[in-house]
Amino acid sequence: MEVGEALEDPVQYQPLAPVTPSGPRLIFQRVPEAKQGKNRLHLDVRVKDIEVAASHVAALGGRQLPGADYSEDGFSWRVMADPEGNEFCLIVTPDS
């Protein structure tokens, strides 16, 4: 992975670009909240279809957390939790 171009000023999102076009993409997000548990890493998993991906997560023991889906600047996401309660988001990007 390579450090990508930071988003927003001051920096709120720092992407890591994949080395290959099909490689994984990670974006680190600055959050104002203090740590509330041992998990401080929050992953956004890019998917083509949130409904299909959420069904796969549920079949593996995960769940959607309370609250509505979000949309902003062409991005849509849903907050999920794995079977141990660790949060992550399923996200559809404009280029998904």
Protein backbone atom coordinates (compact mmCIF):
# COMPACT_ATOMS: atom_id res chain seq x y z
CA MET A 1 0.00 0.00 0.00
CA GLU A 2 1.04 3.57 -0.63
CA VAL A 3 -0.08 6.72 1.17
CA GLY A 4 -2.72 8.44 -0.95
CA GLU A 5 -3.82 12.05 -1.09
CA ALA A 6 -5.34 13.26 2.21
CA LEU A 7 -8.95 14.42 2.11
CA GLU A 8 -10.28 17.65 3.64
CA ASP A 9 -8.41 20.46 5.37
CA PRO A 10 -7.62 19.90 8.18
CA VAL A 11 -7.07 16.25 7.28
CA GLN A 12 -10.00 14.07 8.31
CA TYR A 13 -9.40 11.08 6.02
CA GLN A 14 -6.07 9.54 5.01
CA PRO A 15 -6.34 6.87 2.32
CA LEU A 16 -3.80 4.17 1.62
CA ALA A 17 -3.81 3.43 -2.08
CA PRO A 18 -3.53 -0.15 -3.34
CA VAL A 19 -0.37 -1.11 -5.18
CA THR A 20 -2.46 -2.89 -7.83
CA PRO A 21 -5.86 -1.74 -9.16
CA SER A 22 -7.65 -4.71 -7.58
CA GLY A 23 -5.82 -4.45 -4.24
CA PRO A 24 -7.47 -3.51 -0.95
CA ARG A 25 -8.08 0.13 -0.10
CA LEU A 26 -7.91 1.48 3.43
CA ILE A 27 -8.90 4.94 4.65
CA PHE A 28 -8.06 6.14 8.15
CA GLN A 29 -10.58 8.60 9.61
CA ARG A 30 -9.90 11.10 12.38
CA VAL A 31 -12.68 10.99 14.98
CA PRO A 32 -13.34 13.39 17.87
CA GLU A 33 -14.52 10.78 20.36
CA ALA A 34 -12.18 9.37 22.97
CA LYS A 35 -11.47 5.66 22.97
CA GLN A 36 -14.41 3.81 24.53
CA GLY A 37 -13.16 0.25 24.31
CA LYS A 38 -10.17 -1.69 23.14
CA ASN A 39 -11.02 -1.46 19.40
CA ARG A 40 -9.76 1.80 17.86
CA LEU A 41 -9.50 0.56 14.27
CA HIS A 42 -12.60 1.11 12.15
CA LEU A 43 -12.64 -0.40 8.68
CA ASP A 44 -14.77 0.76 5.76
CA VAL A 45 -15.25 -2.18 3.41
CA ARG A 46 -16.04 -1.08 -0.15
CA VAL A 47 -18.83 -3.14 -1.72
CA LYS A 48 -20.88 -2.95 -4.91
CA ASP A 49 -24.24 -3.55 -3.19
CA ILE A 50 -24.84 -2.75 0.50
CA GLU A 51 -27.91 -5.00 0.79
CA VAL A 52 -26.11 -8.05 -0.60
CA ALA A 53 -23.02 -7.40 1.52
CA ALA A 54 -25.11 -6.86 4.69
CA SER A 55 -26.82 -10.20 4.05
CA HIS A 56 -23.41 -11.89 3.82
CA VAL A 57 -22.31 -10.24 7.07
CA ALA A 58 -25.51 -11.39 8.83
CA ALA A 59 -25.05 -14.93 7.54
CA LEU A 60 -21.58 -14.93 9.14
CA GLY A 61 -22.95 -13.76 12.53
CA GLY A 62 -22.60 -9.99 12.17
CA ARG A 63 -25.39 -7.43 12.35
CA GLN A 64 -26.43 -3.95 11.29
CA LEU A 65 -26.17 -1.45 14.13
CA PRO A 66 -29.14 0.79 14.94
CA GLY A 67 -29.51 3.89 12.82
CA ALA A 68 -30.09 4.83 9.24
CA ASP A 69 -27.71 4.41 6.33
CA TYR A 70 -25.64 7.48 5.51
CA SER A 71 -24.97 9.27 2.21
CA GLU A 72 -22.54 12.10 1.52
CA ASP A 73 -20.73 13.37 -1.58
CA GLY A 74 -21.65 10.31 -3.66
CA PHE A 75 -20.66 7.84 -0.91
CA SER A 76 -23.19 5.63 0.91
CA TRP A 77 -22.47 3.53 3.97
CA ARG A 78 -24.04 1.32 6.63
CA VAL A 79 -22.59 0.73 10.10
CA MET A 80 -22.24 -2.95 10.93
CA ALA A 81 -20.71 -5.03 13.73
CA ASP A 82 -18.91 -8.35 13.63
CA PRO A 83 -19.98 -11.17 16.00
CA GLU A 84 -17.78 -9.69 18.78
CA GLY A 85 -19.30 -6.21 18.41
CA ASN A 86 -16.41 -4.54 16.54
CA GLU A 87 -17.82 -1.83 14.28
CA PHE A 88 -17.08 -1.42 10.59
CA CYS A 89 -18.87 0.13 7.63
CA LEU A 90 -20.00 -1.26 4.33
CA ILE A 91 -19.47 1.55 1.84
CA VAL A 92 -20.41 2.18 -1.78
CA THR A 93 -18.16 4.71 -3.50
CA PRO A 94 -18.86 6.64 -6.71
CA ASP A 95 -16.44 4.30 -8.54
CA SER A 96 -17.69 1.02 -6.98
